[in-house]
Amino acid sequence: MVNIFQKGLLLVLLLLLIMACSNEHSTNPETDIQNSTLRINLPKSNIPIEVKSIWFYLTNTESEEITHVVEINNNYSGIIEIENIPPGIWSLIVKAIDVEGNPKYTGETVLQITAANTLNLSLTLQAVSNDNGSIRIDITWNDTINLSEGWIYNASNPIVQAYPTIYDSRGVFSPFVLKEENIYKMWYASWPEETGGKTYLFYATSLDGFNWSSYSSEPILYPGDSNSWDNSKVGDAVVIIENGHYTMLYAGYSFQNGTTWKIGKAISEDGINWTKQSQPVLSGVEDTWRALINPVSLIKLNGMYLLYFTGRNASFTSYGIGLAMSQDGDDWWYYSSDPILEGIEDWEIHGILHPSVHVLEDDTMIMYYNNAYSPDYSIGRAFSNDGIHWQKDQSNPIIKSSQLLHEDLERVLYPRYLIADEKELIYFTEMNSNSPSTISLIFRPVTTD
């Protein structure tokens, strides 16, 4: 129980908070360039309605104290930053206060603050019952964003951004990544200054999969001329390398000349200079769930090409994952008129898309995919022994947008899974409300289980 003195002190501090002009207030030591910032992710949706302010009390072994107060109102962004914290070991106590000044949630942890750094911390307000019926705040913290299953959010994200030019000023998206010899290669799409759905394709390389250099500020593949089937879009590239030659399948369409999306083919000797075939190799089917098709994964298995694609209807209300096959890479047919994988669980009830498929060393297959139209865009996983019949992971979803420390992050999309250099990597698109979309990375060491 809080004594009368504590209640009175909290009420006085609460009144001072309400009178303050800003949403946050701190008492900090003197500014020093070696001091660091504590960045806290606490979405407003996770805060109980009775909580009106949150108090952060930091103390260290030098008897320094920092108090930071955040008022939960319409201006609250979900991200809290406590700046100018000297290096050292700090004790952090957090209290969530109601309108009467009573602490409703409490929690504490110990932080090691390093010089000139930003430490990310996540808070989850969670009711925990005990004999006294009290409630506490569970606190986790990390130097990078550590996700479930040991996945790590790359501290240098985003890894690829718009230049920007007229070709990519609204952002980059949909990365396809492979490793050839000692070089990682990425083909990715862009949204240009021009609106209306037009997209272009760019190219980037990396020596380690983390640090990337774009080949040019100019696209490597453009939409076709005014009479072509792909005059409105080239995007969602998938690439396979055989005998030193590159083959790309890509999504294209024409607003003027059709109601379906199609998949085209291009060939290259270097992965940069491409020659398109004049006609698509696969077309969407009108008035079905696969009217609009996007290639996502291209695999050659036992002499057969397997193309995993996203299918959706023309009104963007039905999504599924489909499979097409070919013996020569030119003549393609649909494996089935139905999706090979559909959204069934609550988190994927609006559909699933963007299947990134990888063949493992034991010849089984793994797929990472997205859900569609969700308040929390997420990435799931499935497994297969034959590439046709898939079993979803019971722990899905694996990654949620809400787990990442970005106050304006709306969607995590277009996962691209790769195993290289004893690491599992997932490249993906971050779509933000206030800035162009970017490409980022999560990774983890390969386990030997």
Protein backbone atom coordinates (compact mmCIF):
# COMPACT_ATOMS: atom_id res chain seq x y z
CA MET A 1 0.00 0.00 0.00
CA VAL A 2 1.20 3.52 -0.80
CA ASN A 3 1.43 5.72 2.34
CA ILE A 4 -0.09 9.22 2.57
CA PHE A 5 3.22 10.97 1.93
CA GLN A 6 3.82 8.95 -1.24
CA LYS A 7 0.30 9.63 -2.47
CA GLY A 8 0.69 13.34 -1.81
CA LEU A 9 4.02 13.44 -3.61
CA LEU A 10 2.61 11.62 -6.60
CA LEU A 11 -0.37 13.98 -6.79
CA VAL A 12 1.90 17.02 -6.70
CA LEU A 13 4.08 15.58 -9.43
CA LEU A 14 1.02 14.68 -11.47
CA LEU A 15 -0.28 18.25 -11.25
CA LEU A 16 3.10 19.54 -12.38
CA LEU A 17 2.93 17.14 -15.30
CA ILE A 18 -0.52 18.31 -16.38
CA MET A 19 0.60 21.95 -16.20
CA ALA A 20 3.64 21.26 -18.39
CA CYS A 21 3.40 22.22 -22.07
CA SER A 22 5.10 19.12 -23.46
CA ASN A 23 4.02 15.53 -23.46
CA GLU A 24 7.26 14.43 -21.72
CA HIS A 25 9.35 15.93 -18.93
CA SER A 26 12.77 14.92 -17.64
CA THR A 27 15.27 15.87 -14.98
CA ASN A 28 18.69 14.83 -16.32
CA PRO A 29 22.37 15.31 -15.50
CA GLU A 30 24.36 17.88 -17.45
CA THR A 31 24.67 17.28 -21.19
CA ASP A 32 27.76 15.37 -22.36
CA ILE A 33 28.55 14.01 -25.82
CA GLN A 34 29.35 10.62 -24.24
CA ASN A 35 25.87 10.35 -22.75
CA SER A 36 23.35 7.98 -24.28
CA THR A 37 19.65 7.66 -25.04
CA LEU A 38 17.16 5.09 -23.78
CA ARG A 39 14.49 4.44 -26.43
CA ILE A 40 11.34 2.73 -25.15
CA ASN A 41 8.64 1.10 -27.26
CA LEU A 42 5.23 1.08 -25.58
CA PRO A 43 2.32 1.20 -28.05
CA LYS A 44 -0.72 3.07 -26.80
CA SER A 45 -2.86 0.03 -27.60
CA ASN A 46 -0.96 -1.88 -24.87
CA ILE A 47 -1.69 0.70 -22.16
CA PRO A 48 -4.78 0.12 -19.97
CA ILE A 49 -7.32 2.93 -20.15
CA GLU A 50 -6.93 3.84 -16.46
CA VAL A 51 -3.26 4.75 -16.92
CA LYS A 52 -2.83 8.50 -17.41
CA SER A 53 0.95 8.86 -17.03
CA ILE A 54 4.07 6.71 -16.84
CA TRP A 55 7.04 7.59 -14.61
CA PHE A 56 10.60 6.41 -15.17
CA TYR A 57 13.08 6.61 -12.27
CA LEU A 58 16.76 5.98 -13.07
CA THR A 59 19.44 5.83 -10.36
CA ASN A 60 23.09 4.78 -10.57
CA THR A 61 25.95 3.95 -8.20
CA GLU A 62 27.11 7.60 -8.32
CA SER A 63 23.82 8.65 -6.69
CA GLU A 64 22.73 10.37 -9.89
CA GLU A 65 18.99 10.41 -10.48
CA ILE A 66 16.89 10.89 -13.62
CA THR A 67 13.11 11.22 -13.56
CA HIS A 68 11.18 11.12 -16.82
CA VAL A 69 7.41 11.52 -16.98
CA VAL A 70 5.18 10.76 -19.96
CA GLU A 71 1.57 11.83 -20.17
CA ILE A 72 -0.71 9.40 -22.00
CA ASN A 73 -2.88 11.64 -24.16
CA ASN A 74 -3.74 12.18 -27.82
CA ASN A 75 -0.18 13.35 -28.52
CA TYR A 76 1.43 10.18 -27.20
CA SER A 77 3.32 8.46 -30.06
CA GLY A 78 4.15 5.06 -28.54
CA ILE A 79 7.89 5.80 -28.49
CA ILE A 80 9.55 7.30 -25.39
CA GLU A 81 13.10 8.64 -25.42
CA ILE A 82 15.09 9.46 -22.28
CA GLU A 83 18.16 11.37 -23.40
CA ASN A 84 21.49 12.39 -21.89
CA ILE A 85 22.07 9.33 -19.68
CA PRO A 86 25.71 8.99 -18.51
CA PRO A 87 27.40 5.60 -19.09
CA GLY A 88 27.24 3.10 -16.25
CA ILE A 89 24.96 0.67 -14.44
CA TRP A 90 21.50 2.11 -13.82
CA SER A 91 18.51 0.84 -11.91
CA LEU A 92 15.25 1.57 -13.71
CA ILE A 93 11.91 1.66 -11.92
CA VAL A 94 8.75 2.22 -13.95
CA LYS A 95 5.35 3.20 -12.54
CA ALA A 96 2.09 3.57 -14.42
CA ILE A 97 -0.12 6.10 -12.63
CA ASP A 98 -3.88 6.62 -12.74
CA VAL A 99 -5.68 9.98 -12.68
CA GLU A 100 -5.72 10.03 -8.86
CA GLY A 101 -1.96 9.56 -8.65
CA ASN A 102 -2.07 5.90 -7.66
CA PRO A 103 0.53 3.54 -9.16
CA LYS A 104 -1.38 0.81 -11.00
CA TYR A 105 1.56 -0.98 -12.61
CA THR A 106 5.17 -1.20 -11.47
CA GLY A 107 8.31 -2.91 -12.65
CA GLU A 108 12.07 -2.63 -12.49
CA THR A 109 15.23 -3.80 -14.21
CA VAL A 110 18.95 -3.04 -14.39
CA LEU A 111 20.45 -1.44 -17.50
CA GLN A 112 24.06 -1.15 -18.62
CA ILE A 113 24.38 2.13 -20.51
CA THR A 114 27.39 2.39 -22.83
CA ALA A 115 28.88 5.65 -24.08
CA ALA A 116 27.30 7.57 -26.98
CA ASN A 117 24.77 4.87 -27.75
CA THR A 118 21.03 4.32 -28.08
CA LEU A 119 19.64 1.43 -26.03
CA ASN A 120 16.30 -0.01 -27.17
CA LEU A 121 13.87 -1.26 -24.56
CA SER A 122 10.41 -2.77 -24.86
CA LEU A 123 7.73 -2.55 -22.18
CA THR A 124 4.68 -4.75 -21.94
CA LEU A 125 1.95 -3.86 -19.46
CA GLN A 126 0.76 -7.22 -18.23
CA ALA A 127 -1.49 -8.15 -15.32
CA VAL A 128 0.15 -10.72 -13.04
CA SER A 129 -1.85 -12.16 -10.17
CA ASN A 130 -0.35 -13.01 -6.79
CA ASP A 131 -1.54 -13.21 -3.20
CA ASN A 132 -1.87 -9.43 -2.99
CA GLY A 133 -3.61 -9.11 -6.34
CA SER A 134 -1.01 -6.63 -7.58
CA ILE A 135 -0.04 -5.86 -11.16
CA ARG A 136 3.44 -5.29 -12.54
CA ILE A 137 5.16 -4.15 -15.72
CA ASP A 138 7.31 -6.79 -17.45
CA ILE A 139 10.45 -5.23 -18.92
CA THR A 140 12.79 -6.59 -21.58
CA TRP A 141 15.69 -4.73 -23.14
CA ASN A 142 18.40 -5.22 -25.70
CA ASP A 143 21.08 -3.47 -27.77
CA THR A 144 19.30 -4.54 -30.92
CA ILE A 145 15.72 -5.69 -31.28
CA ASN A 146 15.79 -9.36 -30.34
CA LEU A 147 12.71 -11.12 -31.62
CA SER A 148 11.25 -14.55 -30.95
CA GLU A 149 13.24 -17.70 -31.78
CA GLY A 150 16.54 -15.84 -31.66
CA TRP A 151 15.84 -13.63 -34.68
CA ILE A 152 17.77 -10.35 -34.48
CA TYR A 153 16.74 -7.08 -36.06
CA ASN A 154 19.75 -5.73 -37.92
CA ALA A 155 21.00 -2.64 -36.08
CA SER A 156 21.95 -0.93 -39.36
CA ASN A 157 18.47 -1.16 -40.93
CA PRO A 158 17.35 -0.10 -43.41
CA ILE A 159 19.89 -1.74 -45.70
CA VAL A 160 18.48 -0.38 -48.98
CA GLN A 161 16.70 2.94 -49.44
CA ALA A 162 15.52 5.15 -52.27
CA TYR A 163 18.16 7.44 -53.82
CA PRO A 164 15.68 9.20 -54.34
CA THR A 165 15.07 9.92 -58.02
CA ILE A 166 11.92 10.15 -60.10
CA TYR A 167 12.10 6.35 -60.32
CA ASP A 168 12.08 5.54 -56.60
CA SER A 169 10.98 8.64 -54.70
CA ARG A 170 8.13 6.80 -52.94
CA GLY A 171 10.33 3.95 -51.80
CA VAL A 172 11.78 0.52 -52.55
CA PHE A 173 10.22 -2.88 -51.89
CA SER A 174 10.01 -6.59 -52.75
CA PRO A 175 13.67 -7.70 -52.55
CA PHE A 176 14.85 -10.90 -54.19
CA VAL A 177 18.25 -11.99 -52.83
CA LEU A 178 20.63 -14.79 -53.74
CA LYS A 179 24.31 -15.45 -53.17
CA GLU A 180 26.55 -16.24 -56.14
CA GLU A 181 30.06 -17.28 -55.17
CA ASN A 182 31.18 -14.54 -52.72
CA ILE A 183 28.66 -11.87 -53.67
CA TYR A 184 25.12 -11.31 -52.44
CA LYS A 185 22.89 -9.97 -55.21
CA MET A 186 19.55 -8.23 -54.82
CA TRP A 187 16.93 -7.25 -57.37
CA TYR A 188 14.26 -5.00 -55.92
CA ALA A 189 11.32 -2.90 -57.06
CA SER A 190 10.58 0.80 -56.62
CA TRP A 191 7.62 3.13 -56.49
CA PRO A 192 8.34 6.24 -58.58
CA GLU A 193 7.31 9.84 -58.25
CA GLU A 194 4.55 9.07 -60.75
CA THR A 195 1.52 7.48 -59.08
CA GLY A 196 -0.90 4.97 -60.58
CA GLY A 197 0.87 1.68 -59.94
CA LYS A 198 3.94 1.95 -62.18
CA THR A 199 7.06 0.25 -60.78
CA TYR A 200 10.68 -0.31 -61.84
CA LEU A 201 13.44 -2.79 -61.01
CA PHE A 202 16.83 -1.97 -59.46
CA TYR A 203 19.94 -3.98 -58.56
CA ALA A 204 22.30 -3.99 -55.55
CA THR A 205 25.24 -6.07 -54.32
CA SER A 206 26.87 -6.90 -50.98
CA LEU A 207 29.91 -8.79 -49.71
CA ASP A 208 28.32 -9.77 -46.39
CA GLY A 209 24.53 -9.56 -46.88
CA PHE A 210 24.32 -6.62 -44.48
CA ASN A 211 25.99 -3.68 -46.22
CA TRP A 212 24.60 -3.02 -49.69
CA SER A 213 25.54 -0.85 -52.66
CA SER A 214 22.98 -0.07 -55.34
CA TYR A 215 24.33 -0.47 -58.85
CA SER A 216 22.81 2.74 -60.25
CA SER A 217 20.25 5.44 -59.61
CA GLU A 218 18.70 4.30 -62.90
CA PRO A 219 16.54 1.16 -63.07
CA ILE A 220 17.92 -1.98 -64.71
CA LEU A 221 14.45 -2.89 -66.05
CA TYR A 222 11.73 -0.53 -67.23
CA PRO A 223 8.07 -0.99 -68.16
CA GLY A 224 7.54 -1.63 -71.87
CA ASP A 225 6.43 0.79 -74.55
CA SER A 226 2.85 2.03 -74.84
CA ASN A 227 1.62 -1.01 -76.80
CA SER A 228 3.26 -3.69 -74.67
CA TRP A 229 1.64 -5.98 -72.13
CA ASP A 230 3.91 -4.64 -69.34
CA ASN A 231 3.74 -0.89 -70.02
CA SER A 232 2.43 -0.11 -66.52
CA LYS A 233 4.62 -2.26 -64.28
CA VAL A 234 7.73 -4.41 -63.99
CA GLY A 235 8.29 -5.73 -60.48
CA ASP A 236 8.48 -8.63 -58.03
CA ALA A 237 11.50 -10.17 -59.75
CA VAL A 238 12.72 -13.71 -59.09
CA VAL A 239 16.04 -14.83 -60.55
CA ILE A 240 17.70 -18.18 -61.14
CA ILE A 241 21.29 -18.70 -62.35
CA GLU A 242 22.08 -21.70 -64.55
CA ASN A 243 25.40 -22.29 -66.31
CA GLY A 244 26.39 -18.67 -65.76
CA HIS A 245 23.20 -17.31 -67.34
CA TYR A 246 20.55 -15.36 -65.47
CA THR A 247 16.83 -15.91 -65.95
CA MET A 248 14.32 -13.52 -64.41
CA LEU A 249 10.58 -13.89 -64.04
CA TYR A 250 8.76 -10.68 -63.17
CA ALA A 251 5.25 -9.33 -62.72
CA GLY A 252 3.87 -6.97 -65.33
CA TYR A 253 0.61 -5.52 -66.52
CA SER A 254 -0.98 -2.83 -68.64
CA PHE A 255 -3.79 -0.63 -67.41
CA GLN A 256 -4.83 0.02 -71.00
CA ASN A 257 -4.60 -3.48 -72.45
CA GLY A 258 -5.88 -5.95 -69.90
CA THR A 259 -7.58 -6.77 -66.62
CA THR A 260 -5.13 -9.42 -65.40
CA TRP A 261 -1.53 -9.36 -64.25
CA LYS A 262 0.98 -11.52 -66.07
CA ILE A 263 4.45 -12.95 -65.54
CA GLY A 264 7.18 -12.12 -68.02
CA LYS A 265 10.63 -13.55 -68.65
CA ALA A 266 13.97 -11.83 -69.26
CA ILE A 267 17.50 -13.19 -69.72
CA SER A 268 20.92 -11.72 -68.91
CA GLU A 269 24.62 -12.57 -68.97
CA ASP A 270 25.50 -10.38 -65.97
CA GLY A 271 22.30 -9.83 -63.95
CA ILE A 272 22.29 -6.15 -64.94
CA ASN A 273 21.57 -5.90 -68.67
CA TRP A 274 18.37 -7.75 -69.48
CA THR A 275 16.54 -8.78 -72.64
CA LYS A 276 12.82 -9.31 -72.27
CA GLN A 277 10.77 -11.86 -74.12
CA SER A 278 8.03 -10.11 -76.07
CA GLN A 279 5.15 -12.08 -74.55
CA PRO A 280 4.39 -13.23 -70.99
CA VAL A 281 4.99 -16.84 -69.99
CA LEU A 282 2.03 -17.03 -67.60
CA SER A 283 -1.19 -15.01 -67.36
CA GLY A 284 -3.66 -14.46 -64.57
CA VAL A 285 -7.14 -15.93 -64.92
CA GLU A 286 -9.99 -13.42 -65.02
CA ASP A 287 -12.70 -13.54 -62.34
CA THR A 288 -10.72 -15.87 -60.06
CA TRP A 289 -8.47 -15.62 -57.01
CA ARG A 290 -5.48 -15.61 -59.42
CA ALA A 291 -6.52 -12.78 -61.73
CA LEU A 292 -3.53 -10.78 -60.46
CA ILE A 293 -0.37 -12.87 -60.10
CA ASN A 294 3.11 -12.03 -58.77
CA PRO A 295 6.08 -14.43 -58.92
CA VAL A 296 7.81 -14.87 -55.56
CA SER A 297 10.02 -17.99 -55.59
CA LEU A 298 11.55 -19.94 -58.50
CA ILE A 299 13.12 -23.34 -57.79
CA LYS A 300 14.44 -26.12 -60.00
CA LEU A 301 13.80 -29.49 -58.38
CA ASN A 302 14.38 -32.88 -60.01
CA GLY A 303 14.45 -31.31 -63.47
CA MET A 304 11.19 -29.42 -62.94
CA TYR A 305 10.82 -25.66 -62.44
CA LEU A 306 8.50 -24.70 -59.60
CA LEU A 307 7.15 -21.15 -59.43
CA TYR A 308 5.41 -20.06 -56.22
CA PHE A 309 3.25 -17.01 -56.72
CA THR A 310 0.83 -14.69 -54.99
CA GLY A 311 -2.66 -14.75 -56.43
CA ARG A 312 -5.41 -12.25 -55.75
CA ASN A 313 -8.71 -11.30 -57.31
CA ALA A 314 -9.21 -8.05 -59.21
CA SER A 315 -10.82 -6.34 -56.21
CA PHE A 316 -7.94 -7.24 -53.85
CA THR A 317 -10.29 -9.05 -51.44
CA SER A 318 -9.08 -12.64 -51.92
CA TYR A 319 -5.46 -13.77 -51.56
CA GLY A 320 -3.78 -17.15 -51.82
CA ILE A 321 -0.50 -18.88 -52.61
CA GLY A 322 -0.33 -20.81 -55.87
CA LEU A 323 2.08 -23.04 -57.77
CA ALA A 324 2.96 -23.19 -61.47
CA MET A 325 5.26 -25.71 -63.16
CA SER A 326 7.44 -25.94 -66.25
CA GLN A 327 9.85 -28.44 -67.77
CA ASP A 328 11.82 -25.89 -69.80
CA GLY A 329 11.17 -22.51 -68.15
CA ASP A 330 9.15 -21.27 -71.13
CA ASP A 331 5.93 -23.28 -71.18
CA TRP A 332 4.18 -23.00 -67.83
CA TRP A 333 0.99 -24.48 -66.42
CA TYR A 334 -0.87 -24.10 -63.16
CA TYR A 335 -0.53 -27.05 -60.80
CA SER A 336 -4.11 -26.54 -59.62
CA SER A 337 -6.99 -24.13 -60.03
CA ASP A 338 -6.96 -23.82 -56.24
CA PRO A 339 -4.30 -22.30 -53.97
CA ILE A 340 -1.79 -24.70 -52.45
CA LEU A 341 -1.93 -22.66 -49.22
CA GLU A 342 -4.66 -20.37 -47.90
CA GLY A 343 -5.27 -18.17 -44.88
CA ILE A 344 -7.21 -20.03 -42.21
CA GLU A 345 -5.94 -18.89 -38.81
CA ASP A 346 -7.24 -15.71 -37.18
CA TRP A 347 -4.06 -13.73 -37.89
CA GLU A 348 -4.24 -14.61 -41.61
CA ILE A 349 -8.01 -14.65 -42.12
CA HIS A 350 -7.86 -11.98 -44.86
CA GLY A 351 -5.49 -14.10 -46.92
CA ILE A 352 -1.80 -14.93 -47.29
CA LEU A 353 0.77 -13.91 -49.89
CA HIS A 354 4.49 -13.49 -50.79
CA PRO A 355 5.68 -17.12 -50.34
CA SER A 356 9.48 -17.25 -50.04
CA VAL A 357 10.45 -20.91 -50.49
CA HIS A 358 13.84 -22.47 -49.77
CA VAL A 359 15.05 -26.06 -50.20
CA LEU A 360 16.88 -27.31 -47.10
CA GLU A 361 19.86 -29.70 -47.00
CA ASP A 362 17.60 -32.69 -46.29
CA ASP A 363 15.50 -31.82 -49.40
CA THR A 364 12.55 -30.68 -47.33
CA MET A 365 11.23 -27.20 -48.02
CA ILE A 366 10.51 -24.17 -45.87
CA MET A 367 8.30 -21.21 -46.71
CA TYR A 368 7.98 -17.78 -45.12
CA TYR A 369 4.90 -15.76 -46.07
CA ASN A 370 2.80 -12.70 -45.16
CA ASN A 371 -0.74 -12.13 -44.03
CA ALA A 372 -2.94 -9.59 -45.83
CA TYR A 373 -4.97 -6.64 -44.55
CA SER A 374 -4.25 -6.94 -40.85
CA PRO A 375 -3.86 -4.37 -38.08
CA ASP A 376 -0.59 -6.21 -37.35
CA TYR A 377 1.07 -7.33 -40.58
CA SER A 378 3.06 -10.47 -39.77
CA ILE A 379 5.28 -13.20 -41.19
CA GLY A 380 4.43 -16.89 -40.89
CA ARG A 381 6.19 -20.15 -41.76
CA ALA A 382 5.27 -23.51 -43.31
CA PHE A 383 7.05 -26.79 -44.15
CA SER A 384 6.73 -29.33 -46.97
CA ASN A 385 8.24 -32.63 -48.07
CA ASP A 386 7.21 -32.28 -51.72
CA GLY A 387 6.69 -28.56 -52.37
CA ILE A 388 2.97 -29.07 -52.89
CA HIS A 389 1.48 -30.06 -49.55
CA TRP A 390 2.37 -27.65 -46.75
CA GLN A 391 2.08 -27.74 -42.97
CA LYS A 392 1.96 -24.39 -41.18
CA ASP A 393 4.10 -23.81 -38.10
CA GLN A 394 2.06 -23.98 -34.89
CA SER A 395 4.01 -21.03 -33.48
CA ASN A 396 2.88 -18.65 -36.24
CA PRO A 397 3.12 -15.75 -36.68
CA ILE A 398 6.90 -15.67 -36.36
CA ILE A 399 7.41 -11.90 -36.68
CA LYS A 400 4.88 -9.08 -36.16
CA SER A 401 5.13 -5.46 -37.25
CA SER A 402 4.33 -4.45 -33.67
CA GLN A 403 7.53 -6.12 -32.41
CA LEU A 404 9.74 -3.63 -34.25
CA LEU A 405 10.68 -0.32 -32.67
CA HIS A 406 9.26 2.09 -35.23
CA GLU A 407 6.49 4.44 -34.17
CA ASP A 408 5.28 4.97 -37.74
CA LEU A 409 5.75 1.40 -39.05
CA GLU A 410 2.57 0.21 -40.72
CA ARG A 411 3.54 -3.00 -42.49
CA VAL A 412 6.22 -5.67 -42.68
CA LEU A 413 5.88 -7.23 -46.15
CA TYR A 414 7.64 -9.20 -48.91
CA PRO A 415 9.77 -11.60 -46.82
CA ARG A 416 12.74 -13.11 -48.66
CA TYR A 417 14.36 -16.06 -46.86
CA LEU A 418 17.95 -17.13 -47.47
CA ILE A 419 20.55 -19.33 -45.78
CA ALA A 420 24.15 -18.21 -46.33
CA ASP A 421 27.40 -17.93 -44.37
CA GLU A 422 25.98 -19.97 -41.46
CA LYS A 423 23.12 -17.52 -41.01
CA GLU A 424 19.41 -17.50 -41.73
CA LEU A 425 18.38 -14.17 -43.22
CA ILE A 426 14.99 -12.66 -43.95
CA TYR A 427 15.00 -9.55 -46.09
CA PHE A 428 11.73 -7.64 -46.02
CA THR A 429 10.03 -4.34 -46.76
CA GLU A 430 9.15 -1.82 -44.06
CA MET A 431 6.30 0.45 -45.08
CA ASN A 432 6.02 3.63 -43.05
CA SER A 433 3.29 6.22 -43.00
CA ASN A 434 5.57 9.25 -43.05
CA SER A 435 8.46 8.22 -45.30
CA PRO A 436 9.32 6.13 -48.38
CA SER A 437 9.33 2.36 -47.93
CA THR A 438 12.69 0.70 -47.27
CA ILE A 439 14.27 -2.75 -47.24
CA SER A 440 15.49 -4.22 -43.95
CA LEU A 441 16.86 -7.47 -42.54
CA ILE A 442 16.47 -9.85 -39.62
CA PHE A 443 18.87 -12.76 -39.10
CA ARG A 444 19.98 -15.51 -36.74
CA PRO A 445 22.80 -18.09 -36.62
CA VAL A 446 22.04 -21.43 -38.25
CA THR A 447 21.38 -24.05 -35.57
CA THR A 448 22.64 -27.62 -35.78
CA ASP A 449 19.65 -29.23 -34.08
